[in-house]
C-alpha atoms as a PDB file:
ATOM      1  CA  UNK A   1       0.000   0.000   0.000  1.00  0.00           C
ATOM      2  CA  UNK A   2       1.347   3.428  -0.968  1.00  0.00           C
ATOM      3  CA  UNK A   3       2.288   5.737   1.875  1.00  0.00           C
ATOM      4  CA  UNK A   4      -0.002   8.718   2.368  1.00  0.00           C
ATOM      5  CA  UNK A   5       1.677  12.119   2.261  1.00  0.00           C
ATOM      6  CA  UNK A   6      -0.187  15.244   3.402  1.00  0.00           C
ATOM      7  CA  UNK A   7       1.214  18.124   1.356  1.00  0.00           C
ATOM      8  CA  UNK A   8       0.514  21.481   3.016  1.00  0.00           C
ATOM      9  CA  UNK A   9       0.674  24.969   1.512  1.00  0.00           C
ATOM     10  CA  UNK A  10       0.030  23.406  -1.889  1.00  0.00           C
ATOM     11  CA  UNK A  11      -0.264  25.964  -4.670  1.00  0.00           C
ATOM     12  CA  UNK A  12      -1.264  25.039  -8.242  1.00  0.00           C
ATOM     13  CA  UNK A  13       2.390  25.019  -9.317  1.00  0.00           C
ATOM     14  CA  UNK A  14       3.283  22.692  -6.411  1.00  0.00           C
ATOM     15  CA  UNK A  15       0.488  20.294  -7.316  1.00  0.00           C
ATOM     16  CA  UNK A  16       1.464  20.273 -10.980  1.00  0.00           C
ATOM     17  CA  UNK A  17       5.134  19.588 -10.255  1.00  0.00           C
ATOM     18  CA  UNK A  18       4.591  17.023  -7.503  1.00  0.00           C
ATOM     19  CA  UNK A  19       1.988  15.092  -9.500  1.00  0.00           C
ATOM     20  CA  UNK A  20       4.387  14.925 -12.427  1.00  0.00           C
ATOM     21  CA  UNK A  21       7.340  13.784 -10.327  1.00  0.00           C
ATOM     22  CA  UNK A  22       5.237  11.392  -8.222  1.00  0.00           C
ATOM     23  CA  UNK A  23       4.669   9.209 -11.283  1.00  0.00           C
ATOM     24  CA  UNK A  24       8.172   7.893 -10.543  1.00  0.00           C
ATOM     25  CA  UNK A  25       7.403   7.193  -6.871  1.00  0.00           C
ATOM     26  CA  UNK A  26       3.747   6.253  -6.480  1.00  0.00           C
ATOM     27  CA  UNK A  27       2.879   7.936  -3.178  1.00  0.00           C
ATOM     28  CA  UNK A  28      -0.691   8.864  -2.294  1.00  0.00           C
ATOM     29  CA  UNK A  29      -0.569  12.651  -2.137  1.00  0.00           C
ATOM     30  CA  UNK A  30      -3.216  14.588  -0.222  1.00  0.00           C
ATOM     31  CA  UNK A  31      -3.006  18.300  -0.960  1.00  0.00           C
ATOM     32  CA  UNK A  32      -4.012  21.076   1.439  1.00  0.00           C
ATOM     33  CA  UNK A  33      -3.785  24.777   0.649  1.00  0.00           C
ATOM     34  CA  UNK A  34      -3.311  25.716   4.307  1.00  0.00           C
ATOM     35  CA  UNK A  35       0.028  26.209   6.083  1.00  0.00           C
ATOM     36  CA  UNK A  36       0.497  23.493   8.680  1.00  0.00           C
ATOM     37  CA  UNK A  37      -0.052  24.911  12.164  1.00  0.00           C
ATOM     38  CA  UNK A  38      -2.030  24.170  15.331  1.00  0.00           C
ATOM     39  CA  UNK A  39      -5.282  25.324  13.735  1.00  0.00           C
ATOM     40  CA  UNK A  40      -5.271  22.815  10.887  1.00  0.00           C
ATOM     41  CA  UNK A  41      -2.990  20.006  12.052  1.00  0.00           C
ATOM     42  CA  UNK A  42      -6.094  17.769  12.047  1.00  0.00           C
ATOM     43  CA  UNK A  43      -5.700  17.609   8.255  1.00  0.00           C
ATOM     44  CA  UNK A  44      -2.636  15.416   8.810  1.00  0.00           C
ATOM     45  CA  UNK A  45      -4.734  12.684  10.434  1.00  0.00           C
ATOM     46  CA  UNK A  46      -4.268   9.440   8.519  1.00  0.00           C
ATOM     47  CA  UNK A  47      -1.039  10.534   6.830  1.00  0.00           C
ATOM     48  CA  UNK A  48       2.249   8.687   7.174  1.00  0.00           C
ATOM     49  CA  UNK A  49       4.242  11.862   6.507  1.00  0.00           C
ATOM     50  CA  UNK A  50       3.659  15.574   6.094  1.00  0.00           C
ATOM     51  CA  UNK A  51       5.321  17.761   3.481  1.00  0.00           C
ATOM     52  CA  UNK A  52       5.596  21.431   4.465  1.00  0.00           C
ATOM     53  CA  UNK A  53       7.047  24.727   3.254  1.00  0.00           C
ATOM     54  CA  UNK A  54       8.583  27.847   4.796  1.00  0.00           C
ATOM     55  CA  UNK A  55       5.463  29.317   6.413  1.00  0.00           C
ATOM     56  CA  UNK A  56       4.437  26.234   8.376  1.00  0.00           C
ATOM     57  CA  UNK A  57       4.581  26.567  12.167  1.00  0.00           C
ATOM     58  CA  UNK A  58       5.448  23.185  13.603  1.00  0.00           C
ATOM     59  CA  UNK A  59       5.938  23.863  17.293  1.00  0.00           C
ATOM     60  CA  UNK A  60       5.820  21.325  20.133  1.00  0.00           C
ATOM     61  CA  UNK A  61       2.015  21.346  20.207  1.00  0.00           C
ATOM     62  CA  UNK A  62       1.823  20.536  16.496  1.00  0.00           C
ATOM     63  CA  UNK A  63       4.522  17.876  16.798  1.00  0.00           C
ATOM     64  CA  UNK A  64       2.610  16.158  19.589  1.00  0.00           C
ATOM     65  CA  UNK A  65      -0.553  16.170  17.480  1.00  0.00           C
ATOM     66  CA  UNK A  66       1.305  14.733  14.488  1.00  0.00           C
ATOM     67  CA  UNK A  67       2.689  11.967  16.683  1.00  0.00           C
ATOM     68  CA  UNK A  68      -0.765  11.129  18.008  1.00  0.00           C
ATOM     69  CA  UNK A  69      -2.020  10.832  14.405  1.00  0.00           C
ATOM     70  CA  UNK A  70       0.754   8.391  13.527  1.00  0.00           C
ATOM     71  CA  UNK A  71       2.823  10.757  11.370  1.00  0.00           C
ATOM     72  CA  UNK A  72       6.374   9.435  11.194  1.00  0.00           C
ATOM     73  CA  UNK A  73       8.155  12.001   9.035  1.00  0.00           C
ATOM     74  CA  UNK A  74       8.206  15.766   8.487  1.00  0.00           C
ATOM     75  CA  UNK A  75       9.522  16.511   4.991  1.00  0.00           C
ATOM     76  CA  UNK A  76      10.471  20.135   4.419  1.00  0.00           C
ATOM     77  CA  UNK A  77      10.540  21.096   0.749  1.00  0.00           C
ATOM     78  CA  UNK A  78      12.938  23.948   1.482  1.00  0.00           C
ATOM     79  CA  UNK A  79      16.384  24.426   2.983  1.00  0.00           C
ATOM     80  CA  UNK A  80      15.481  26.290   6.175  1.00  0.00           C
ATOM     81  CA  UNK A  81      14.071  24.452   9.191  1.00  0.00           C
ATOM     82  CA  UNK A  82      13.811  27.183  11.832  1.00  0.00           C
ATOM     83  CA  UNK A  83       9.990  26.834  11.732  1.00  0.00           C
ATOM     84  CA  UNK A  84      10.113  23.269  13.101  1.00  0.00           C
ATOM     85  CA  UNK A  85      10.748  22.349  16.743  1.00  0.00           C
ATOM     86  CA  UNK A  86      13.480  19.795  16.040  1.00  0.00           C
ATOM     87  CA  UNK A  87      13.873  18.921  19.712  1.00  0.00           C
ATOM     88  CA  UNK A  88      10.181  18.120  20.097  1.00  0.00           C
ATOM     89  CA  UNK A  89      10.235  16.005  16.927  1.00  0.00           C
ATOM     90  CA  UNK A  90      13.267  14.043  18.136  1.00  0.00           C
ATOM     91  CA  UNK A  91      11.594  13.443  21.495  1.00  0.00           C
ATOM     92  CA  UNK A  92       8.585  11.911  19.718  1.00  0.00           C
ATOM     93  CA  UNK A  93      10.736   9.913  17.288  1.00  0.00           C
ATOM     94  CA  UNK A  94       9.584  11.882  14.248  1.00  0.00           C
ATOM     95  CA  UNK A  95      12.329  12.329  11.678  1.00  0.00           C
ATOM     96  CA  UNK A  96      12.793  15.652   9.899  1.00  0.00           C
ATOM     97  CA  UNK A  97      14.297  15.967   6.422  1.00  0.00           C
ATOM     98  CA  UNK A  98      14.844  18.952   4.145  1.00  0.00           C
ATOM     99  CA  UNK A  99      15.991  20.030   0.684  1.00  0.00           C
ATOM    100  CA  UNK A 100      19.364  21.700   1.278  1.00  0.00           C
ATOM    101  CA  UNK A 101      20.198  22.350  -2.353  1.00  0.00           C
ATOM    102  CA  UNK A 102      17.706  22.863  -5.166  1.00  0.00           C
ATOM    103  CA  UNK A 103      19.194  25.563  -7.378  1.00  0.00           C
ATOM    104  CA  UNK A 104      21.828  27.955  -6.093  1.00  0.00           C
ATOM    105  CA  UNK A 105      21.783  29.513  -9.557  1.00  0.00           C
ATOM    106  CA  UNK A 106      18.121  30.510  -9.171  1.00  0.00           C
ATOM    107  CA  UNK A 107      18.798  32.408  -5.923  1.00  0.00           C
ATOM    108  CA  UNK A 108      22.014  33.987  -7.173  1.00  0.00           C
ATOM    109  CA  UNK A 109      20.425  35.143 -10.438  1.00  0.00           C
ATOM    110  CA  UNK A 110      17.481  36.714  -8.587  1.00  0.00           C
ATOM    111  CA  UNK A 111      19.972  38.491  -6.338  1.00  0.00           C
ATOM    112  CA  UNK A 112      21.670  39.999  -9.388  1.00  0.00           C
ATOM    113  CA  UNK A 113      18.287  40.883 -10.906  1.00  0.00           C
ATOM    114  CA  UNK A 114      17.358  42.885  -7.788  1.00  0.00           C
ATOM    115  CA  UNK A 115      20.700  44.696  -7.859  1.00  0.00           C
ATOM    116  CA  UNK A 116      20.412  45.657 -11.510  1.00  0.00           C
ATOM    117  CA  UNK A 117      16.750  46.619 -11.266  1.00  0.00           C
ATOM    118  CA  UNK A 118      17.363  48.895  -8.276  1.00  0.00           C
ATOM    119  CA  UNK A 119      20.478  50.462  -9.743  1.00  0.00           C
ATOM    120  CA  UNK A 120      18.968  51.230 -13.158  1.00  0.00           C
ATOM    121  CA  UNK A 121      15.452  51.942 -11.798  1.00  0.00           C
ATOM    122  CA  UNK A 122      13.901  49.383 -14.163  1.00  0.00           C
ATOM    123  CA  UNK A 123      10.829  48.965 -11.925  1.00  0.00           C
ATOM    124  CA  UNK A 124      10.137  52.703 -12.040  1.00  0.00           C
ATOM    125  CA  UNK A 125      10.876  53.021 -15.765  1.00  0.00           C
ATOM    126  CA  UNK A 126       8.381  50.245 -16.528  1.00  0.00           C
ATOM    127  CA  UNK A 127       5.580  52.139 -14.774  1.00  0.00           C
ATOM    128  CA  UNK A 128       6.599  55.528 -16.146  1.00  0.00           C
ATOM    129  CA  UNK A 129       6.733  54.556 -19.830  1.00  0.00           C
ATOM    130  CA  UNK A 130       3.371  52.800 -19.603  1.00  0.00           C
ATOM    131  CA  UNK A 131       1.929  56.239 -18.804  1.00  0.00           C
ATOM    132  CA  UNK A 132       3.661  57.725 -21.835  1.00  0.00           C
ATOM    133  CA  UNK A 133       6.341  59.414 -19.744  1.00  0.00           C
ATOM    134  CA  UNK A 134       9.776  58.885 -21.288  1.00  0.00           C
ATOM    135  CA  UNK A 135      11.702  61.317 -19.097  1.00  0.00           C
ATOM    136  CA  UNK A 136      15.037  60.115 -17.667  1.00  0.00           C
ATOM    137  CA  UNK A 137      14.931  62.427 -14.654  1.00  0.00           C
ATOM    138  CA  UNK A 138      15.687  60.489 -11.472  1.00  0.00           C
ATOM    139  CA  UNK A 139      16.861  57.349 -13.302  1.00  0.00           C
ATOM    140  CA  UNK A 140      20.631  57.777 -13.285  1.00  0.00           C
ATOM    141  CA  UNK A 141      22.405  54.682 -12.021  1.00  0.00           C
ATOM    142  CA  UNK A 142      26.042  53.662 -11.661  1.00  0.00           C
ATOM    143  CA  UNK A 143      28.377  51.203 -13.352  1.00  0.00           C
ATOM    144  CA  UNK A 144      28.462  47.916 -11.460  1.00  0.00           C
ATOM    145  CA  UNK A 145      31.940  47.415 -12.918  1.00  0.00           C
ATOM    146  CA  UNK A 146      34.698  48.013 -10.369  1.00  0.00           C
ATOM    147  CA  UNK A 147      32.232  48.484  -7.490  1.00  0.00           C
ATOM    148  CA  UNK A 148      32.730  46.475  -4.309  1.00  0.00           C
ATOM    149  CA  UNK A 149      30.114  43.936  -3.280  1.00  0.00           C
ATOM    150  CA  UNK A 150      30.189  42.410   0.189  1.00  0.00           C
ATOM    151  CA  UNK A 151      28.866  38.853   0.348  1.00  0.00           C
ATOM    152  CA  UNK A 152      27.833  37.531   3.759  1.00  0.00           C
ATOM    153  CA  UNK A 153      27.751  33.744   3.511  1.00  0.00           C
ATOM    154  CA  UNK A 154      29.821  31.766   1.014  1.00  0.00           C
ATOM    155  CA  UNK A 155      27.948  28.499   0.778  1.00  0.00           C
ATOM    156  CA  UNK A 156      26.751  27.199  -2.572  1.00  0.00           C
ATOM    157  CA  UNK A 157      24.483  30.171  -3.253  1.00  0.00           C
ATOM    158  CA  UNK A 158      27.052  32.742  -2.165  1.00  0.00           C
ATOM    159  CA  UNK A 159      29.723  31.191  -4.354  1.00  0.00           C
ATOM    160  CA  UNK A 160      27.495  31.157  -7.435  1.00  0.00           C
ATOM    161  CA  UNK A 161      26.530  34.783  -6.772  1.00  0.00           C
ATOM    162  CA  UNK A 162      30.188  35.740  -6.434  1.00  0.00           C
ATOM    163  CA  UNK A 163      30.878  34.140  -9.812  1.00  0.00           C
ATOM    164  CA  UNK A 164      28.244  36.417 -11.345  1.00  0.00           C
ATOM    165  CA  UNK A 165      29.679  39.500  -9.643  1.00  0.00           C
ATOM    166  CA  UNK A 166      33.215  38.690 -10.776  1.00  0.00           C
ATOM    167  CA  UNK A 167      31.862  38.283 -14.307  1.00  0.00           C
ATOM    168  CA  UNK A 168      30.686  41.903 -14.135  1.00  0.00           C
ATOM    169  CA  UNK A 169      34.135  43.053 -13.090  1.00  0.00           C
ATOM    170  CA  UNK A 170      33.131  43.766  -9.507  1.00  0.00           C
ATOM    171  CA  UNK A 171      35.420  43.545  -6.502  1.00  0.00           C
ATOM    172  CA  UNK A 172      34.281  41.009  -3.906  1.00  0.00           C
ATOM    173  CA  UNK A 173      34.683  41.014  -0.140  1.00  0.00           C
ATOM    174  CA  UNK A 174      33.391  37.958   1.689  1.00  0.00           C
ATOM    175  CA  UNK A 175      32.499  37.000   5.225  1.00  0.00           C
ATOM    176  CA  UNK A 176      31.641  33.566   6.577  1.00  0.00           C
ATOM    177  CA  UNK A 177      31.829  31.994  10.022  1.00  0.00           C
ATOM    178  CA  UNK A 178      33.514  29.043   8.333  1.00  0.00           C
ATOM    179  CA  UNK A 179      35.572  30.523   5.481  1.00  0.00           C
ATOM    180  CA  UNK A 180      36.564  28.336   2.529  1.00  0.00           C
ATOM    181  CA  UNK A 181      40.047  29.751   2.143  1.00  0.00           C
ATOM    182  CA  UNK A 182      41.122  27.293  -0.551  1.00  0.00           C
ATOM    183  CA  UNK A 183      38.188  28.283  -2.770  1.00  0.00           C
ATOM    184  CA  UNK A 184      38.710  31.980  -2.024  1.00  0.00           C
ATOM    185  CA  UNK A 185      42.338  31.821  -3.083  1.00  0.00           C
ATOM    186  CA  UNK A 186      41.505  30.144  -6.385  1.00  0.00           C
ATOM    187  CA  UNK A 187      38.561  32.508  -7.048  1.00  0.00           C
ATOM    188  CA  UNK A 188      40.451  35.658  -6.161  1.00  0.00           C
ATOM    189  CA  UNK A 189      38.088  36.510  -3.309  1.00  0.00           C
ATOM    190  CA  UNK A 190      39.156  38.160  -0.051  1.00  0.00           C
ATOM    191  CA  UNK A 191      37.693  37.160   3.303  1.00  0.00           C
ATOM    192  CA  UNK A 192      37.416  40.080   5.715  1.00  0.00           C
ATOM    193  CA  UNK A 193      35.831  40.862   9.066  1.00  0.00           C
ATOM    194  CA  UNK A 194      32.209  41.975   9.166  1.00  0.00           C
ATOM    195  CA  UNK A 195      33.248  45.498  10.103  1.00  0.00           C
ATOM    196  CA  UNK A 196      35.598  45.696   7.120  1.00  0.00           C
ATOM    197  CA  UNK A 197      32.865  44.383   4.833  1.00  0.00           C
ATOM    198  CA  UNK A 198      30.363  46.938   6.142  1.00  0.00           C
ATOM    199  CA  UNK A 199      32.803  49.821   5.780  1.00  0.00           C
ATOM    200  CA  UNK A 200      34.063  49.054   2.267  1.00  0.00           C
ATOM    201  CA  UNK A 201      31.109  47.604   0.338  1.00  0.00           C
ATOM    202  CA  UNK A 202      28.982  49.562  -2.123  1.00  0.00           C
ATOM    203  CA  UNK A 203      26.507  46.653  -2.149  1.00  0.00           C
ATOM    204  CA  UNK A 204      25.910  44.083   0.587  1.00  0.00           C
ATOM    205  CA  UNK A 205      24.089  40.835  -0.136  1.00  0.00           C
ATOM    206  CA  UNK A 206      23.024  38.174   2.372  1.00  0.00           C
ATOM    207  CA  UNK A 207      23.436  34.451   1.674  1.00  0.00           C
ATOM    208  CA  UNK A 208      23.895  33.054   5.170  1.00  0.00           C
ATOM    209  CA  UNK A 209      21.501  30.800   7.107  1.00  0.00           C
ATOM    210  CA  UNK A 210      19.354  32.198   9.899  1.00  0.00           C
ATOM    211  CA  UNK A 211      20.951  31.252  13.217  1.00  0.00           C
ATOM    212  CA  UNK A 212      21.338  32.836  16.629  1.00  0.00           C
ATOM    213  CA  UNK A 213      24.593  34.348  15.368  1.00  0.00           C
ATOM    214  CA  UNK A 214      23.113  35.814  12.187  1.00  0.00           C
ATOM    215  CA  UNK A 215      19.690  36.983  13.398  1.00  0.00           C
ATOM    216  CA  UNK A 216      19.481  40.740  12.715  1.00  0.00           C
ATOM    217  CA  UNK A 217      22.994  40.788  11.297  1.00  0.00           C
ATOM    218  CA  UNK A 218      21.740  43.939   9.570  1.00  0.00           C
ATOM    219  CA  UNK A 219      20.596  46.371  12.274  1.00  0.00           C
ATOM    220  CA  UNK A 220      21.190  49.963  13.318  1.00  0.00           C
ATOM    221  CA  UNK A 221      24.553  48.928  14.774  1.00  0.00           C
ATOM    222  CA  UNK A 222      25.777  47.512  11.475  1.00  0.00           C
ATOM    223  CA  UNK A 223      24.084  50.050   9.191  1.00  0.00           C
ATOM    224  CA  UNK A 224      25.915  52.936  10.873  1.00  0.00           C
ATOM    225  CA  UNK A 225      29.226  51.308   9.850  1.00  0.00           C
ATOM    226  CA  UNK A 226      28.286  51.161   6.153  1.00  0.00           C
ATOM    227  CA  UNK A 227      28.988  53.543   3.296  1.00  0.00           C
ATOM    228  CA  UNK A 228      26.461  56.294   2.699  1.00  0.00           C
ATOM    229  CA  UNK A 229      23.977  55.170   0.041  1.00  0.00           C
ATOM    230  CA  UNK A 230      24.769  51.470   0.405  1.00  0.00           C
ATOM    231  CA  UNK A 231      22.591  48.931  -1.411  1.00  0.00           C
ATOM    232  CA  UNK A 232      21.370  46.003   0.718  1.00  0.00           C
ATOM    233  CA  UNK A 233      20.021  42.788  -0.834  1.00  0.00           C
ATOM    234  CA  UNK A 234      18.411  39.920   1.068  1.00  0.00           C
ATOM    235  CA  UNK A 235      17.414  36.691  -0.661  1.00  0.00           C
ATOM    236  CA  UNK A 236      18.139  34.621   2.445  1.00  0.00           C
ATOM    237  CA  UNK A 237      15.858  34.812   5.463  1.00  0.00           C
ATOM    238  CA  UNK A 238      13.729  37.716   6.661  1.00  0.00           C
ATOM    239  CA  UNK A 239      15.139  37.942  10.192  1.00  0.00           C
ATOM    240  CA  UNK A 240      18.643  38.549   8.912  1.00  0.00           C
ATOM    241  CA  UNK A 241      17.496  42.184   8.730  1.00  0.00           C
ATOM    242  CA  UNK A 242      15.879  44.247  11.476  1.00  0.00           C
ATOM    243  CA  UNK A 243      13.249  45.846   9.251  1.00  0.00           C
ATOM    244  CA  UNK A 244      12.504  48.905  11.388  1.00  0.00           C
ATOM    245  CA  UNK A 245      16.227  49.695  11.509  1.00  0.00           C
ATOM    246  CA  UNK A 246      16.407  49.287   7.737  1.00  0.00           C
ATOM    247  CA  UNK A 247      13.539  51.770   7.356  1.00  0.00           C
ATOM    248  CA  UNK A 248      15.394  54.226   9.596  1.00  0.00           C
ATOM    249  CA  UNK A 249      18.421  53.802   7.343  1.00  0.00           C
ATOM    250  CA  UNK A 250      16.329  54.459   4.251  1.00  0.00           C
ATOM    251  CA  UNK A 251      14.787  57.574   5.792  1.00  0.00           C
ATOM    252  CA  UNK A 252      18.208  58.972   6.732  1.00  0.00           C
ATOM    253  CA  UNK A 253      19.506  58.013   3.244  1.00  0.00           C
ATOM    254  CA  UNK A 254      22.315  56.012   4.833  1.00  0.00           C
ATOM    255  CA  UNK A 255      20.774  53.115   2.899  1.00  0.00           C
ATOM    256  CA  UNK A 256      20.314  54.105  -0.726  1.00  0.00           C
ATOM    257  CA  UNK A 257      18.569  50.974  -1.984  1.00  0.00           C
ATOM    258  CA  UNK A 258      17.061  47.775  -0.593  1.00  0.00           C
ATOM    259  CA  UNK A 259      16.088  44.642  -2.508  1.00  0.00           C
ATOM    260  CA  UNK A 260      14.188  42.141  -0.379  1.00  0.00           C
ATOM    261  CA  UNK A 261      12.896  38.758  -1.434  1.00  0.00           C
ATOM    262  CA  UNK A 262      12.142  37.919   2.186  1.00  0.00           C
ATOM    263  CA  UNK A 263      10.619  39.746   5.149  1.00  0.00           C
ATOM    264  CA  UNK A 264      10.713  38.851   8.816  1.00  0.00           C
ATOM    265  CA  UNK A 265       6.905  38.749   9.152  1.00  0.00           C
ATOM    266  CA  UNK A 266       6.219  37.431   5.663  1.00  0.00           C
ATOM    267  CA  UNK A 267       4.082  34.495   6.778  1.00  0.00           C
ATOM    268  CA  UNK A 268       0.933  36.610   6.908  1.00  0.00           C
ATOM    269  CA  UNK A 269       1.273  37.868   3.326  1.00  0.00           C
ATOM    270  CA  UNK A 270       3.743  36.074   1.077  1.00  0.00           C
ATOM    271  CA  UNK A 271       2.438  33.508  -1.447  1.00  0.00           C
ATOM    272  CA  UNK A 272      -1.133  34.797  -1.135  1.00  0.00           C
ATOM    273  CA  UNK A 273      -3.201  37.415  -3.005  1.00  0.00           C
ATOM    274  CA  UNK A 274      -4.118  40.276  -0.656  1.00  0.00           C
ATOM    275  CA  UNK A 275      -4.801  42.864  -3.356  1.00  0.00           C
ATOM    276  CA  UNK A 276      -8.449  43.248  -2.308  1.00  0.00           C
ATOM    277  CA  UNK A 277      -7.758  43.779   1.389  1.00  0.00           C
ATOM    278  CA  UNK A 278      -6.234  46.521   3.527  1.00  0.00           C
ATOM    279  CA  UNK A 279      -2.637  45.865   4.535  1.00  0.00           C
ATOM    280  CA  UNK A 280      -2.511  45.777   8.324  1.00  0.00           C
ATOM    281  CA  UNK A 281       1.259  45.326   8.582  1.00  0.00           C
ATOM    282  CA  UNK A 282       2.444  48.923   8.964  1.00  0.00           C
ATOM    283  CA  UNK A 283       6.112  47.986   8.598  1.00  0.00           C
ATOM    284  CA  UNK A 284       5.609  46.164   5.311  1.00  0.00           C
ATOM    285  CA  UNK A 285       3.366  48.957   4.043  1.00  0.00           C
ATOM    286  CA  UNK A 286       6.098  51.480   4.871  1.00  0.00           C
ATOM    287  CA  UNK A 287       8.694  49.432   3.011  1.00  0.00           C
ATOM    288  CA  UNK A 288       6.493  49.289  -0.074  1.00  0.00           C
ATOM    289  CA  UNK A 289       6.140  53.082  -0.044  1.00  0.00           C
ATOM    290  CA  UNK A 290       9.824  53.669  -0.893  1.00  0.00           C
ATOM    291  CA  UNK A 291      10.630  53.996  -4.591  1.00  0.00           C
ATOM    292  CA  UNK A 292      14.178  52.775  -3.904  1.00  0.00           C
ATOM    293  CA  UNK A 293      12.960  49.500  -2.383  1.00  0.00           C
ATOM    294  CA  UNK A 294      11.898  46.376  -4.268  1.00  0.00           C
ATOM    295  CA  UNK A 295      10.075  43.621  -2.384  1.00  0.00           C
ATOM    296  CA  UNK A 296       9.455  40.310  -4.122  1.00  0.00           C
ATOM    297  CA  UNK A 297       7.404  37.509  -2.604  1.00  0.00           C
ATOM    298  CA  UNK A 298      10.099  34.983  -1.634  1.00  0.00           C
ATOM    299  CA  UNK A 299      10.356  33.979  -5.286  1.00  0.00           C
ATOM    300  CA  UNK A 300      14.132  33.762  -5.751  1.00  0.00           C
ATOM    301  CA  UNK A 301      13.918  29.965  -5.785  1.00  0.00           C
ATOM    302  CA  UNK A 302      11.039  29.905  -8.261  1.00  0.00           C
ATOM    303  CA  UNK A 303      12.408  28.453 -11.482  1.00  0.00           C
ATOM    304  CA  UNK A 304      11.386  25.354 -13.414  1.00  0.00           C
ATOM    305  CA  UNK A 305      14.644  23.655 -12.561  1.00  0.00           C
ATOM    306  CA  UNK A 306      14.435  24.450  -8.863  1.00  0.00           C
ATOM    307  CA  UNK A 307      10.835  23.253  -8.550  1.00  0.00           C
ATOM    308  CA  UNK A 308      11.711  19.960 -10.214  1.00  0.00           C
ATOM    309  CA  UNK A 309      14.769  19.514  -7.983  1.00  0.00           C
ATOM    310  CA  UNK A 310      12.714  20.280  -4.861  1.00  0.00           C
ATOM    311  CA  UNK A 311      10.093  17.695  -5.751  1.00  0.00           C
ATOM    312  CA  UNK A 312      12.644  14.991  -6.633  1.00  0.00           C
ATOM    313  CA  UNK A 313      14.725  15.548  -3.494  1.00  0.00           C
ATOM    314  CA  UNK A 314      11.599  15.588  -1.297  1.00  0.00           C
ATOM    315  CA  UNK A 315      10.367  12.331  -2.825  1.00  0.00           C
ATOM    316  CA  UNK A 316      13.838  10.780  -2.467  1.00  0.00           C
ATOM    317  CA  UNK A 317      13.927  11.795   1.205  1.00  0.00           C
ATOM    318  CA  UNK A 318      10.527  10.217   1.837  1.00  0.00           C
ATOM    319  CA  UNK A 319      11.467   7.064  -0.087  1.00  0.00           C
ATOM    320  CA  UNK A 320      14.716   6.685   1.853  1.00  0.00           C
ATOM    321  CA  UNK A 321      12.848   6.997   5.142  1.00  0.00           C
ATOM    322  CA  UNK A 322      10.211   4.383   4.393  1.00  0.00           C
ATOM    323  CA  UNK A 323      12.817   2.037   2.860  1.00  0.00           C
ATOM    324  CA  UNK A 324      14.982   2.291   5.956  1.00  0.00           C
ATOM    325  CA  UNK A 325      17.889   3.910   4.115  1.00  0.00           C
ATOM    326  CA  UNK A 326      20.287   6.490   5.508  1.00  0.00           C
ATOM    327  CA  UNK A 327      18.734   9.971   5.495  1.00  0.00           C
ATOM    328  CA  UNK A 328      21.405  12.151   3.918  1.00  0.00           C
ATOM    329  CA  UNK A 329      19.214  15.244   4.279  1.00  0.00           C
ATOM    330  CA  UNK A 330      18.063  14.642   7.846  1.00  0.00           C
ATOM    331  CA  UNK A 331      17.912  17.558  10.269  1.00  0.00           C
ATOM    332  CA  UNK A 332      19.510  16.101  13.392  1.00  0.00           C
ATOM    333  CA  UNK A 333      18.690  17.539  16.803  1.00  0.00           C
ATOM    334  CA  UNK A 334      21.752  18.721  18.701  1.00  0.00           C
ATOM    335  CA  UNK A 335      21.189  19.245  22.402  1.00  0.00           C
END
């Protein structure tokens, strides 16, 4: 009998991709549009595993409910796992797996797209010319060539992004808690301290995971150390940036541009259509009011290749679990 998988936060594109890929695996997929949380965990009743995305809230209460329903596996179809209580899952014997690598190129290319769009005011030009206004006033940008970009986090995504920046003739400064000095030497990249990166970068882009050490790595304390008019890009996790401090930086013009694919309170808005309702998040509404800010809806990953890789890796993780194989993508609880 095929294992039953409850797939939460299932959008039409998820359903299309997973149904296509599942032809190779033969699971019984039960789709739910809701994010998994304490209010709808009942939907997991009867499932052998649950498949969740970034906006799920799997705390201890939800874990205990899943255990009581007989759920044996939590399969994240994303890299981050900060929304799952790993300790509670381990206590109940529920394994947690994730998709650590789906397309670093997708994230890196979206990062570059945000940089170029902000610099050359493409988003504003699009709206202006549609109204028949072909004035160039206010649209002057700068050459990316020979500018310095500071990259925080040099994992797979950071390294691909750096390759793109070097291709544009940019200078690269890098910071990582665990620097890959051998790669840096061969790539011609310099590792520096955070303070040096803040002080000398024209553009700063975030590609590090969200941990206790990196939470609010961009705040008033770090922004004050940056160049005037710095561009800040975040395609990582929302809580890498203290949003209110970023807004203060934008108002003072210390921050000249911000490109955000993530937001620290995005769960209430991202991936859903709220165009017919009043935005109640004052901070997000303020961000959207700046013409030198671009906010995209956590879509950096969203390419055909990435979606296919996510589905295949998720299905492989589930297959390995039920076949008793080693779980190479397991999230292991560390006390």
